[in-house]
């Protein structure tokens, strides 16, 4: 018995082959798990929900701050300040002007020769520009292939070569695993 293929059958076979290779409509290609910092689920983020502080009647009602639109409330959650206070620190010394208060001396020392005090913002802008220039070839962008490691390879440190350099200089590297050949 001989099988006959007509135009309809060939078209149906081609359509079946094409649909087997494609994704479903509306389905997105998931980014690699290593570089994925955002949740892929549509469920609520349980860490984004912070309970308010319990209501308390202050000792002096005249000491209450005047309400300001968009301002803070004394019952608003302040997890960073609460953690600092729980660990024995001073929550009033938290971040000011983008620099944590504990790092103010470090930033001042680093800027002593006229370097920019907004180095964090400058580096963030430079890194964004670098990533934009090294965002992969056309097909890598088209198929959402991560090029992160290849883009930053010229800036990466060969940890094993550096470890051997320090060991050859006679420096103890207690945080690194011991040399397996020295046993």
C-alpha atoms as a PDB file:
ATOM      1  CA  UNK A   1       0.000   0.000   0.000  1.00  0.00           C
ATOM      2  CA  UNK A   2       1.372   3.366  -0.963  1.00  0.00           C
ATOM      3  CA  UNK A   3       0.950   6.506   1.232  1.00  0.00           C
ATOM      4  CA  UNK A   4       0.000   9.636  -0.675  1.00  0.00           C
ATOM      5  CA  UNK A   5       0.914  13.087   0.564  1.00  0.00           C
ATOM      6  CA  UNK A   6      -1.090  16.012  -0.665  1.00  0.00           C
ATOM      7  CA  UNK A   7      -0.643  19.701  -0.055  1.00  0.00           C
ATOM      8  CA  UNK A   8      -2.999  19.613   2.944  1.00  0.00           C
ATOM      9  CA  UNK A   9      -1.113  16.778   4.623  1.00  0.00           C
ATOM     10  CA  UNK A  10       2.292  18.442   4.042  1.00  0.00           C
ATOM     11  CA  UNK A  11       0.963  21.735   5.439  1.00  0.00           C
ATOM     12  CA  UNK A  12      -0.457  19.968   8.481  1.00  0.00           C
ATOM     13  CA  UNK A  13       2.850  18.174   9.075  1.00  0.00           C
ATOM     14  CA  UNK A  14       4.791  21.460   8.770  1.00  0.00           C
ATOM     15  CA  UNK A  15       2.401  23.194  11.183  1.00  0.00           C
ATOM     16  CA  UNK A  16       2.762  20.351  13.663  1.00  0.00           C
ATOM     17  CA  UNK A  17       6.567  20.527  13.443  1.00  0.00           C
ATOM     18  CA  UNK A  18       6.575  24.291  13.990  1.00  0.00           C
ATOM     19  CA  UNK A  19       4.269  24.188  16.988  1.00  0.00           C
ATOM     20  CA  UNK A  20       6.359  21.471  18.608  1.00  0.00           C
ATOM     21  CA  UNK A  21       9.401  23.765  18.559  1.00  0.00           C
ATOM     22  CA  UNK A  22       7.713  26.924  19.810  1.00  0.00           C
ATOM     23  CA  UNK A  23       6.681  28.149  23.235  1.00  0.00           C
ATOM     24  CA  UNK A  24       3.092  28.657  24.272  1.00  0.00           C
ATOM     25  CA  UNK A  25       1.631  32.094  23.671  1.00  0.00           C
ATOM     26  CA  UNK A  26       2.301  34.389  26.616  1.00  0.00           C
ATOM     27  CA  UNK A  27       4.871  32.034  28.137  1.00  0.00           C
ATOM     28  CA  UNK A  28       8.124  33.793  28.897  1.00  0.00           C
ATOM     29  CA  UNK A  29      11.543  32.232  28.848  1.00  0.00           C
ATOM     30  CA  UNK A  30      12.764  32.110  32.435  1.00  0.00           C
ATOM     31  CA  UNK A  31      16.115  33.804  33.065  1.00  0.00           C
ATOM     32  CA  UNK A  32      18.905  31.690  34.503  1.00  0.00           C
ATOM     33  CA  UNK A  33      18.429  30.974  38.201  1.00  0.00           C
ATOM     34  CA  UNK A  34      21.916  32.254  39.101  1.00  0.00           C
ATOM     35  CA  UNK A  35      21.279  35.748  37.780  1.00  0.00           C
ATOM     36  CA  UNK A  36      17.606  35.861  38.750  1.00  0.00           C
ATOM     37  CA  UNK A  37      17.124  38.247  41.655  1.00  0.00           C
ATOM     38  CA  UNK A  38      13.386  38.724  41.260  1.00  0.00           C
ATOM     39  CA  UNK A  39      10.675  36.291  42.214  1.00  0.00           C
ATOM     40  CA  UNK A  40       9.154  34.334  39.351  1.00  0.00           C
ATOM     41  CA  UNK A  41       5.902  33.625  41.139  1.00  0.00           C
ATOM     42  CA  UNK A  42       2.858  35.858  41.303  1.00  0.00           C
ATOM     43  CA  UNK A  43       2.357  35.170  44.979  1.00  0.00           C
ATOM     44  CA  UNK A  44       2.879  37.936  47.533  1.00  0.00           C
ATOM     45  CA  UNK A  45       6.343  38.460  48.946  1.00  0.00           C
ATOM     46  CA  UNK A  46       6.105  37.515  52.596  1.00  0.00           C
ATOM     47  CA  UNK A  47       9.200  39.561  53.432  1.00  0.00           C
ATOM     48  CA  UNK A  48       7.701  42.751  51.990  1.00  0.00           C
ATOM     49  CA  UNK A  49       4.865  42.736  54.518  1.00  0.00           C
ATOM     50  CA  UNK A  50       5.964  44.347  57.757  1.00  0.00           C
ATOM     51  CA  UNK A  51       3.639  44.568  60.739  1.00  0.00           C
ATOM     52  CA  UNK A  52       3.106  47.990  62.231  1.00  0.00           C
ATOM     53  CA  UNK A  53       4.329  48.763  65.705  1.00  0.00           C
ATOM     54  CA  UNK A  54       1.739  48.581  68.473  1.00  0.00           C
ATOM     55  CA  UNK A  55      -0.087  51.796  69.289  1.00  0.00           C
ATOM     56  CA  UNK A  56       1.104  53.455  72.456  1.00  0.00           C
ATOM     57  CA  UNK A  57      -0.096  56.536  74.232  1.00  0.00           C
ATOM     58  CA  UNK A  58       2.897  58.862  74.684  1.00  0.00           C
ATOM     59  CA  UNK A  59       3.562  60.349  78.102  1.00  0.00           C
ATOM     60  CA  UNK A  60       3.294  63.895  76.751  1.00  0.00           C
ATOM     61  CA  UNK A  61       0.817  64.492  73.932  1.00  0.00           C
ATOM     62  CA  UNK A  62       2.464  67.842  73.169  1.00  0.00           C
ATOM     63  CA  UNK A  63       5.640  65.935  72.169  1.00  0.00           C
ATOM     64  CA  UNK A  64       3.880  64.315  69.216  1.00  0.00           C
ATOM     65  CA  UNK A  65       5.197  65.524  65.846  1.00  0.00           C
ATOM     66  CA  UNK A  66       2.906  67.467  63.566  1.00  0.00           C
ATOM     67  CA  UNK A  67       1.399  65.288  60.838  1.00  0.00           C
ATOM     68  CA  UNK A  68       2.993  65.818  57.434  1.00  0.00           C
ATOM     69  CA  UNK A  69       1.653  64.485  54.128  1.00  0.00           C
ATOM     70  CA  UNK A  70       3.884  61.634  52.991  1.00  0.00           C
ATOM     71  CA  UNK A  71       5.813  61.782  56.244  1.00  0.00           C
ATOM     72  CA  UNK A  72       6.519  58.985  58.667  1.00  0.00           C
ATOM     73  CA  UNK A  73       4.379  57.781  61.498  1.00  0.00           C
ATOM     74  CA  UNK A  74       5.639  56.591  64.879  1.00  0.00           C
ATOM     75  CA  UNK A  75       3.895  53.272  64.252  1.00  0.00           C
ATOM     76  CA  UNK A  76       5.586  52.759  60.855  1.00  0.00           C
ATOM     77  CA  UNK A  77       7.916  49.757  60.789  1.00  0.00           C
ATOM     78  CA  UNK A  78      11.624  50.575  60.854  1.00  0.00           C
ATOM     79  CA  UNK A  79      13.331  47.180  60.578  1.00  0.00           C
ATOM     80  CA  UNK A  80      16.863  48.550  60.072  1.00  0.00           C
ATOM     81  CA  UNK A  81      16.672  50.862  63.076  1.00  0.00           C
ATOM     82  CA  UNK A  82      15.012  48.126  65.155  1.00  0.00           C
ATOM     83  CA  UNK A  83      17.792  45.666  64.277  1.00  0.00           C
ATOM     84  CA  UNK A  84      20.496  48.212  65.149  1.00  0.00           C
ATOM     85  CA  UNK A  85      18.796  48.959  68.480  1.00  0.00           C
ATOM     86  CA  UNK A  86      18.374  45.251  69.248  1.00  0.00           C
ATOM     87  CA  UNK A  87      22.089  44.706  68.677  1.00  0.00           C
ATOM     88  CA  UNK A  88      23.007  47.560  71.013  1.00  0.00           C
ATOM     89  CA  UNK A  89      23.706  50.245  68.393  1.00  0.00           C
ATOM     90  CA  UNK A  90      22.369  53.728  67.944  1.00  0.00           C
ATOM     91  CA  UNK A  91      19.566  53.807  65.334  1.00  0.00           C
ATOM     92  CA  UNK A  92      19.975  57.594  64.949  1.00  0.00           C
ATOM     93  CA  UNK A  93      23.337  57.017  63.234  1.00  0.00           C
ATOM     94  CA  UNK A  94      21.861  55.166  60.282  1.00  0.00           C
ATOM     95  CA  UNK A  95      22.369  56.151  56.664  1.00  0.00           C
ATOM     96  CA  UNK A  96      22.534  59.811  55.781  1.00  0.00           C
ATOM     97  CA  UNK A  97      22.981  61.093  52.203  1.00  0.00           C
ATOM     98  CA  UNK A  98      23.458  57.594  50.827  1.00  0.00           C
ATOM     99  CA  UNK A  99      26.418  56.870  53.126  1.00  0.00           C
ATOM    100  CA  UNK A 100      25.939  54.807  56.264  1.00  0.00           C
ATOM    101  CA  UNK A 101      27.000  56.867  59.265  1.00  0.00           C
ATOM    102  CA  UNK A 102      29.612  54.288  60.233  1.00  0.00           C
ATOM    103  CA  UNK A 103      31.268  54.718  56.822  1.00  0.00           C
ATOM    104  CA  UNK A 104      31.454  58.520  56.912  1.00  0.00           C
ATOM    105  CA  UNK A 105      35.085  58.521  58.036  1.00  0.00           C
ATOM    106  CA  UNK A 106      36.005  55.992  55.379  1.00  0.00           C
ATOM    107  CA  UNK A 107      34.359  58.028  52.622  1.00  0.00           C
ATOM    108  CA  UNK A 108      36.051  61.213  53.900  1.00  0.00           C
ATOM    109  CA  UNK A 109      39.435  59.476  53.951  1.00  0.00           C
ATOM    110  CA  UNK A 110      38.938  58.123  50.435  1.00  0.00           C
ATOM    111  CA  UNK A 111      37.995  61.611  49.192  1.00  0.00           C
ATOM    112  CA  UNK A 112      40.963  63.342  50.845  1.00  0.00           C
ATOM    113  CA  UNK A 113      42.793  63.918  47.522  1.00  0.00           C
ATOM    114  CA  UNK A 114      39.772  65.388  45.790  1.00  0.00           C
ATOM    115  CA  UNK A 115      38.010  62.209  44.720  1.00  0.00           C
ATOM    116  CA  UNK A 116      34.287  62.360  44.380  1.00  0.00           C
ATOM    117  CA  UNK A 117      32.247  61.763  47.508  1.00  0.00           C
ATOM    118  CA  UNK A 118      29.434  60.319  45.382  1.00  0.00           C
ATOM    119  CA  UNK A 119      31.631  57.426  44.239  1.00  0.00           C
ATOM    120  CA  UNK A 120      28.872  54.863  44.713  1.00  0.00           C
ATOM    121  CA  UNK A 121      26.528  56.669  42.332  1.00  0.00           C
ATOM    122  CA  UNK A 122      29.352  57.256  39.813  1.00  0.00           C
ATOM    123  CA  UNK A 123      30.352  53.584  39.857  1.00  0.00           C
ATOM    124  CA  UNK A 124      26.734  52.482  39.482  1.00  0.00           C
ATOM    125  CA  UNK A 125      26.337  54.715  36.414  1.00  0.00           C
ATOM    126  CA  UNK A 126      29.647  53.512  34.920  1.00  0.00           C
ATOM    127  CA  UNK A 127      28.700  49.883  35.514  1.00  0.00           C
ATOM    128  CA  UNK A 128      25.316  50.387  33.859  1.00  0.00           C
ATOM    129  CA  UNK A 129      27.054  51.974  30.855  1.00  0.00           C
ATOM    130  CA  UNK A 130      29.552  49.070  30.693  1.00  0.00           C
ATOM    131  CA  UNK A 131      26.743  46.502  30.818  1.00  0.00           C
ATOM    132  CA  UNK A 132      24.864  48.350  28.084  1.00  0.00           C
ATOM    133  CA  UNK A 133      27.965  48.248  25.836  1.00  0.00           C
ATOM    134  CA  UNK A 134      28.596  44.545  26.569  1.00  0.00           C
ATOM    135  CA  UNK A 135      25.058  43.193  26.406  1.00  0.00           C
ATOM    136  CA  UNK A 136      25.809  40.393  23.956  1.00  0.00           C
ATOM    137  CA  UNK A 137      25.473  39.692  20.296  1.00  0.00           C
ATOM    138  CA  UNK A 138      22.214  39.883  18.384  1.00  0.00           C
ATOM    139  CA  UNK A 139      21.225  36.230  18.806  1.00  0.00           C
ATOM    140  CA  UNK A 140      22.208  36.260  22.492  1.00  0.00           C
ATOM    141  CA  UNK A 141      19.899  39.212  23.080  1.00  0.00           C
ATOM    142  CA  UNK A 142      17.204  37.667  20.921  1.00  0.00           C
ATOM    143  CA  UNK A 143      17.242  34.373  22.843  1.00  0.00           C
ATOM    144  CA  UNK A 144      17.835  36.007  26.249  1.00  0.00           C
ATOM    145  CA  UNK A 145      21.208  34.310  26.838  1.00  0.00           C
ATOM    146  CA  UNK A 146      23.106  35.696  29.810  1.00  0.00           C
ATOM    147  CA  UNK A 147      26.466  37.225  28.905  1.00  0.00           C
ATOM    148  CA  UNK A 148      27.260  38.433  32.420  1.00  0.00           C
ATOM    149  CA  UNK A 149      30.267  36.212  33.054  1.00  0.00           C
ATOM    150  CA  UNK A 150      31.789  36.758  29.610  1.00  0.00           C
ATOM    151  CA  UNK A 151      31.311  40.543  29.866  1.00  0.00           C
ATOM    152  CA  UNK A 152      33.081  40.762  33.224  1.00  0.00           C
ATOM    153  CA  UNK A 153      35.791  38.148  32.479  1.00  0.00           C
ATOM    154  CA  UNK A 154      38.480  40.800  31.737  1.00  0.00           C
ATOM    155  CA  UNK A 155      37.882  42.258  35.211  1.00  0.00           C
ATOM    156  CA  UNK A 156      37.820  38.983  37.100  1.00  0.00           C
ATOM    157  CA  UNK A 157      40.652  37.709  39.231  1.00  0.00           C
ATOM    158  CA  UNK A 158      42.052  34.234  38.672  1.00  0.00           C
ATOM    159  CA  UNK A 159      41.748  33.070  42.252  1.00  0.00           C
ATOM    160  CA  UNK A 160      44.028  30.071  41.867  1.00  0.00           C
ATOM    161  CA  UNK A 161      46.840  32.048  40.214  1.00  0.00           C
ATOM    162  CA  UNK A 162      46.560  34.726  42.899  1.00  0.00           C
ATOM    163  CA  UNK A 163      46.618  32.085  45.636  1.00  0.00           C
ATOM    164  CA  UNK A 164      49.767  30.570  44.148  1.00  0.00           C
ATOM    165  CA  UNK A 165      51.363  34.033  43.884  1.00  0.00           C
ATOM    166  CA  UNK A 166      50.775  34.677  47.591  1.00  0.00           C
ATOM    167  CA  UNK A 167      51.939  31.203  48.577  1.00  0.00           C
ATOM    168  CA  UNK A 168      55.109  31.628  46.498  1.00  0.00           C
ATOM    169  CA  UNK A 169      55.750  34.882  48.359  1.00  0.00           C
ATOM    170  CA  UNK A 170      55.633  32.919  51.626  1.00  0.00           C
ATOM    171  CA  UNK A 171      52.360  34.379  52.917  1.00  0.00           C
ATOM    172  CA  UNK A 172      50.146  32.032  54.911  1.00  0.00           C
ATOM    173  CA  UNK A 173      46.715  31.772  53.342  1.00  0.00           C
ATOM    174  CA  UNK A 174      44.684  30.406  56.226  1.00  0.00           C
ATOM    175  CA  UNK A 175      41.327  31.131  54.594  1.00  0.00           C
ATOM    176  CA  UNK A 176      42.204  29.121  51.491  1.00  0.00           C
ATOM    177  CA  UNK A 177      42.255  25.338  51.336  1.00  0.00           C
ATOM    178  CA  UNK A 178      45.665  23.780  51.912  1.00  0.00           C
ATOM    179  CA  UNK A 179      47.770  22.783  48.955  1.00  0.00           C
ATOM    180  CA  UNK A 180      46.813  19.161  48.156  1.00  0.00           C
ATOM    181  CA  UNK A 181      50.352  18.403  46.910  1.00  0.00           C
ATOM    182  CA  UNK A 182      51.931  19.462  50.221  1.00  0.00           C
ATOM    183  CA  UNK A 183      50.478  16.481  52.090  1.00  0.00           C
END
